[in-house]
């Protein structure tokens, strides 16, 4: 399962935004960032590794 990630806050709640006929845009529901190219991951493990590298994943 692949999913999109916000380029600003790295949240996973990224959805299509209006304007799809003239070009794809996405909006983050967490920080309201509008982006053309979100970050995409194929699996949860890749996303967690990315967040660890960015320092935004809290270790349990």
C-alpha atoms as a PDB file:
ATOM      1  CA  UNK A   1       0.000   0.000   0.000  1.00  0.00           C
ATOM      2  CA  UNK A   2       1.547   3.318  -1.026  1.00  0.00           C
ATOM      3  CA  UNK A   3       0.635   6.641   0.510  1.00  0.00           C
ATOM      4  CA  UNK A   4       1.457  10.343   0.249  1.00  0.00           C
ATOM      5  CA  UNK A   5       3.178  12.424   2.913  1.00  0.00           C
ATOM      6  CA  UNK A   6       3.177  16.197   3.425  1.00  0.00           C
ATOM      7  CA  UNK A   7       6.414  17.961   2.484  1.00  0.00           C
ATOM      8  CA  UNK A   8       5.960  20.431   5.352  1.00  0.00           C
ATOM      9  CA  UNK A   9       4.848  18.516   8.459  1.00  0.00           C
ATOM     10  CA  UNK A  10       5.388  14.908   7.235  1.00  0.00           C
ATOM     11  CA  UNK A  11       1.780  14.016   8.112  1.00  0.00           C
ATOM     12  CA  UNK A  12      -0.019  11.285   6.169  1.00  0.00           C
ATOM     13  CA  UNK A  13      -3.383  13.046   5.803  1.00  0.00           C
ATOM     14  CA  UNK A  14      -2.714  14.323   2.246  1.00  0.00           C
ATOM     15  CA  UNK A  15      -5.697  14.486  -0.118  1.00  0.00           C
ATOM     16  CA  UNK A  16      -6.364  15.737  -3.651  1.00  0.00           C
ATOM     17  CA  UNK A  17      -7.019  19.477  -3.812  1.00  0.00           C
ATOM     18  CA  UNK A  18      -9.094  21.330  -6.419  1.00  0.00           C
ATOM     19  CA  UNK A  19      -7.486  22.029  -9.761  1.00  0.00           C
ATOM     20  CA  UNK A  20      -7.070  18.489 -11.015  1.00  0.00           C
ATOM     21  CA  UNK A  21      -8.023  19.484 -14.583  1.00  0.00           C
ATOM     22  CA  UNK A  22      -5.097  21.915 -14.888  1.00  0.00           C
ATOM     23  CA  UNK A  23      -2.650  19.935 -12.803  1.00  0.00           C
ATOM     24  CA  UNK A  24      -2.604  17.781  -9.731  1.00  0.00           C
ATOM     25  CA  UNK A  25      -2.418  19.472  -6.360  1.00  0.00           C
ATOM     26  CA  UNK A  26      -2.616  17.992  -2.889  1.00  0.00           C
ATOM     27  CA  UNK A  27      -3.464  19.499   0.499  1.00  0.00           C
ATOM     28  CA  UNK A  28      -2.353  18.353   3.929  1.00  0.00           C
ATOM     29  CA  UNK A  29      -5.250  18.169   6.368  1.00  0.00           C
ATOM     30  CA  UNK A  30      -2.882  18.666   9.329  1.00  0.00           C
ATOM     31  CA  UNK A  31      -1.040  21.867   8.343  1.00  0.00           C
ATOM     32  CA  UNK A  32      -3.070  23.068   5.285  1.00  0.00           C
ATOM     33  CA  UNK A  33       0.037  23.021   3.045  1.00  0.00           C
ATOM     34  CA  UNK A  34      -0.876  22.869  -0.665  1.00  0.00           C
ATOM     35  CA  UNK A  35       1.703  21.015  -2.744  1.00  0.00           C
ATOM     36  CA  UNK A  36       2.237  19.795  -6.281  1.00  0.00           C
ATOM     37  CA  UNK A  37       4.500  16.873  -5.436  1.00  0.00           C
ATOM     38  CA  UNK A  38       4.039  15.199  -2.052  1.00  0.00           C
ATOM     39  CA  UNK A  39       6.499  12.626  -0.741  1.00  0.00           C
ATOM     40  CA  UNK A  40       5.354   9.074  -1.554  1.00  0.00           C
ATOM     41  CA  UNK A  41       6.214   5.836   0.249  1.00  0.00           C
ATOM     42  CA  UNK A  42       5.474   2.248  -0.740  1.00  0.00           C
ATOM     43  CA  UNK A  43       5.232   0.936   2.808  1.00  0.00           C
ATOM     44  CA  UNK A  44       5.085   1.882   6.484  1.00  0.00           C
ATOM     45  CA  UNK A  45       8.696   0.794   7.122  1.00  0.00           C
ATOM     46  CA  UNK A  46      10.063   3.284   4.571  1.00  0.00           C
ATOM     47  CA  UNK A  47       7.963   6.081   6.064  1.00  0.00           C
ATOM     48  CA  UNK A  48       9.147   5.290   9.608  1.00  0.00           C
ATOM     49  CA  UNK A  49      12.794   5.202   8.472  1.00  0.00           C
ATOM     50  CA  UNK A  50      12.326   8.607   6.824  1.00  0.00           C
ATOM     51  CA  UNK A  51      10.804  10.067  10.001  1.00  0.00           C
ATOM     52  CA  UNK A  52      13.652   8.663  12.097  1.00  0.00           C
ATOM     53  CA  UNK A  53      16.187  10.340   9.775  1.00  0.00           C
ATOM     54  CA  UNK A  54      14.253  13.633   9.940  1.00  0.00           C
ATOM     55  CA  UNK A  55      14.038  13.399  13.746  1.00  0.00           C
ATOM     56  CA  UNK A  56      10.240  13.539  13.796  1.00  0.00           C
ATOM     57  CA  UNK A  57       9.505   9.990  14.975  1.00  0.00           C
ATOM     58  CA  UNK A  58       9.227   9.557  18.720  1.00  0.00           C
ATOM     59  CA  UNK A  59      10.822   6.326  19.912  1.00  0.00           C
ATOM     60  CA  UNK A  60       8.761   4.198  22.276  1.00  0.00           C
END
